[in-house]
Amino acid sequence: MENWKHAVLIGAAGTAAVLAIKGKGPAAFMVGSVGLAVLASEYPDEFARIRREMPSYLSKGTRYMDIAMKIGSKIEQFSENRAARAFEELGEY
């Protein structure tokens, strides 16, 4: 990769990170897109492969989110039951 591409990529990543931290999401997205465009111009075959495999990545991500939501609901149920039992025990005294 040429030096100017390195500079653009690093600059875009750093600027996007700073903008995201400051809460300027749309600007961070635009600057990050410039960095990705430079990266895609250097590695077109890899980006084509990622684009072909995107549906499997999305299905795996969806499955992991479903698992995380189920775990979260179980934790919520457990904490509600525990709080109810503690309240009942206080009422016995």
C-alpha atoms as a PDB file:
ATOM      1  CA  MET A   1       0.000   0.000   0.000  1.00  0.00           C
ATOM      2  CA  GLU A   2       1.293   3.438  -0.890  1.00  0.00           C
ATOM      3  CA  ASN A   3       2.242   5.935   1.801  1.00  0.00           C
ATOM      4  CA  TRP A   4      -0.555   8.372   0.983  1.00  0.00           C
ATOM      5  CA  LYS A   5      -3.109   5.586   1.336  1.00  0.00           C
ATOM      6  CA  HIS A   6      -1.693   4.733   4.746  1.00  0.00           C
ATOM      7  CA  ALA A   7      -1.979   8.374   5.765  1.00  0.00           C
ATOM      8  CA  VAL A   8      -5.570   8.676   4.539  1.00  0.00           C
ATOM      9  CA  LEU A   9      -6.580   5.425   6.218  1.00  0.00           C
ATOM     10  CA  ILE A  10      -5.005   6.287   9.585  1.00  0.00           C
ATOM     11  CA  GLY A  11      -6.276   9.862   9.445  1.00  0.00           C
ATOM     12  CA  ALA A  12      -9.808   8.766   8.603  1.00  0.00           C
ATOM     13  CA  ALA A  13      -9.852   6.153  11.365  1.00  0.00           C
ATOM     14  CA  GLY A  14      -8.542   8.597  13.965  1.00  0.00           C
ATOM     15  CA  THR A  15     -10.857  11.397  12.910  1.00  0.00           C
ATOM     16  CA  ALA A  16     -13.867   9.061  12.849  1.00  0.00           C
ATOM     17  CA  ALA A  17     -13.026   7.832  16.356  1.00  0.00           C
ATOM     18  CA  VAL A  18     -12.740  11.373  17.716  1.00  0.00           C
ATOM     19  CA  LEU A  19     -15.989  12.425  16.044  1.00  0.00           C
ATOM     20  CA  ALA A  20     -17.784   9.364  17.381  1.00  0.00           C
ATOM     21  CA  ILE A  21     -16.549  10.070  20.913  1.00  0.00           C
ATOM     22  CA  LYS A  22     -17.745  13.668  20.626  1.00  0.00           C
ATOM     23  CA  GLY A  23     -21.201  12.419  19.634  1.00  0.00           C
ATOM     24  CA  LYS A  24     -21.139  13.484  15.989  1.00  0.00           C
ATOM     25  CA  GLY A  25     -22.273  10.163  14.526  1.00  0.00           C
ATOM     26  CA  PRO A  26     -23.111  11.208  10.946  1.00  0.00           C
ATOM     27  CA  ALA A  27     -19.793  12.987  10.501  1.00  0.00           C
ATOM     28  CA  ALA A  28     -17.917  10.005  11.954  1.00  0.00           C
ATOM     29  CA  PHE A  29     -19.760   7.719   9.536  1.00  0.00           C
ATOM     30  CA  MET A  30     -18.823   9.894   6.547  1.00  0.00           C
ATOM     31  CA  VAL A  31     -15.139  10.115   7.489  1.00  0.00           C
ATOM     32  CA  GLY A  32     -15.014   6.383   8.252  1.00  0.00           C
ATOM     33  CA  SER A  33     -16.539   5.688   4.846  1.00  0.00           C
ATOM     34  CA  VAL A  34     -13.667   7.531   3.180  1.00  0.00           C
ATOM     35  CA  GLY A  35     -11.204   5.276   4.985  1.00  0.00           C
ATOM     36  CA  LEU A  36     -13.130   2.173   3.957  1.00  0.00           C
ATOM     37  CA  ALA A  37     -13.231   3.345   0.343  1.00  0.00           C
ATOM     38  CA  VAL A  38      -9.448   3.700   0.319  1.00  0.00           C
ATOM     39  CA  LEU A  39      -9.086   0.271   1.899  1.00  0.00           C
ATOM     40  CA  ALA A  40     -11.509  -1.240  -0.633  1.00  0.00           C
ATOM     41  CA  SER A  41      -9.554   0.255  -3.512  1.00  0.00           C
ATOM     42  CA  GLU A  42      -6.424  -1.509  -2.249  1.00  0.00           C
ATOM     43  CA  TYR A  43      -8.051  -4.907  -1.557  1.00  0.00           C
ATOM     44  CA  PRO A  44     -11.021  -5.294  -3.947  1.00  0.00           C
ATOM     45  CA  ASP A  45     -11.019  -9.112  -3.863  1.00  0.00           C
ATOM     46  CA  GLU A  46     -11.280  -9.250  -0.071  1.00  0.00           C
ATOM     47  CA  PHE A  47     -14.148  -6.770  -0.044  1.00  0.00           C
ATOM     48  CA  ALA A  48     -15.953  -8.757  -2.739  1.00  0.00           C
ATOM     49  CA  ARG A  49     -15.593 -11.912  -0.626  1.00  0.00           C
ATOM     50  CA  ILE A  50     -16.924 -10.109   2.461  1.00  0.00           C
ATOM     51  CA  ARG A  51     -19.867  -8.801   0.452  1.00  0.00           C
ATOM     52  CA  ARG A  52     -20.693 -12.317  -0.761  1.00  0.00           C
ATOM     53  CA  GLU A  53     -20.515 -13.700   2.791  1.00  0.00           C
ATOM     54  CA  MET A  54     -22.490 -10.840   4.385  1.00  0.00           C
ATOM     55  CA  PRO A  55     -25.785 -12.814   4.703  1.00  0.00           C
ATOM     56  CA  SER A  56     -24.072 -15.505   6.791  1.00  0.00           C
ATOM     57  CA  TYR A  57     -22.448 -12.826   8.990  1.00  0.00           C
ATOM     58  CA  LEU A  58     -25.838 -11.210   9.544  1.00  0.00           C
ATOM     59  CA  SER A  59     -27.542 -14.488  10.416  1.00  0.00           C
ATOM     60  CA  LYS A  60     -24.797 -15.345  12.922  1.00  0.00           C
ATOM     61  CA  GLY A  61     -25.048 -11.884  14.446  1.00  0.00           C
ATOM     62  CA  THR A  62     -28.811 -12.189  14.724  1.00  0.00           C
ATOM     63  CA  ARG A  63     -28.474 -15.564  16.407  1.00  0.00           C
ATOM     64  CA  TYR A  64     -25.991 -14.166  18.951  1.00  0.00           C
ATOM     65  CA  MET A  65     -28.301 -11.219  19.672  1.00  0.00           C
ATOM     66  CA  ASP A  66     -31.209 -13.637  20.267  1.00  0.00           C
ATOM     67  CA  ILE A  67     -29.079 -15.613  22.725  1.00  0.00           C
ATOM     68  CA  ALA A  68     -28.033 -12.414  24.521  1.00  0.00           C
ATOM     69  CA  MET A  69     -31.664 -11.272  24.779  1.00  0.00           C
ATOM     70  CA  LYS A  70     -32.721 -14.643  26.230  1.00  0.00           C
ATOM     71  CA  ILE A  71     -29.939 -14.481  28.801  1.00  0.00           C
ATOM     72  CA  GLY A  72     -30.949 -10.929  29.689  1.00  0.00           C
ATOM     73  CA  SER A  73     -34.593 -11.898  30.184  1.00  0.00           C
ATOM     74  CA  LYS A  74     -33.587 -14.844  32.396  1.00  0.00           C
ATOM     75  CA  ILE A  75     -31.453 -12.527  34.535  1.00  0.00           C
ATOM     76  CA  GLU A  76     -34.345 -10.081  34.757  1.00  0.00           C
ATOM     77  CA  GLN A  77     -36.751 -12.826  35.852  1.00  0.00           C
ATOM     78  CA  PHE A  78     -34.269 -14.078  38.426  1.00  0.00           C
ATOM     79  CA  SER A  79     -33.760 -10.614  39.906  1.00  0.00           C
ATOM     80  CA  GLU A  80     -37.528  -9.963  40.046  1.00  0.00           C
ATOM     81  CA  ASN A  81     -38.137 -13.269  41.818  1.00  0.00           C
ATOM     82  CA  ARG A  82     -35.316 -12.582  44.222  1.00  0.00           C
ATOM     83  CA  ALA A  83     -36.649  -9.108  45.036  1.00  0.00           C
ATOM     84  CA  ALA A  84     -40.166 -10.502  45.579  1.00  0.00           C
ATOM     85  CA  ARG A  85     -38.841 -13.182  47.935  1.00  0.00           C
ATOM     86  CA  ALA A  86     -36.841 -10.622  49.886  1.00  0.00           C
ATOM     87  CA  PHE A  87     -39.901  -8.406  50.230  1.00  0.00           C
ATOM     88  CA  GLU A  88     -41.988 -11.365  51.446  1.00  0.00           C
ATOM     89  CA  GLU A  89     -39.331 -12.263  54.007  1.00  0.00           C
ATOM     90  CA  LEU A  90     -39.375  -8.702  55.334  1.00  0.00           C
ATOM     91  CA  GLY A  91     -43.154  -8.931  55.731  1.00  0.00           C
ATOM     92  CA  GLU A  92     -42.830 -12.009  57.932  1.00  0.00           C
ATOM     93  CA  TYR A  93     -41.050 -10.081  60.687  1.00  0.00           C
END
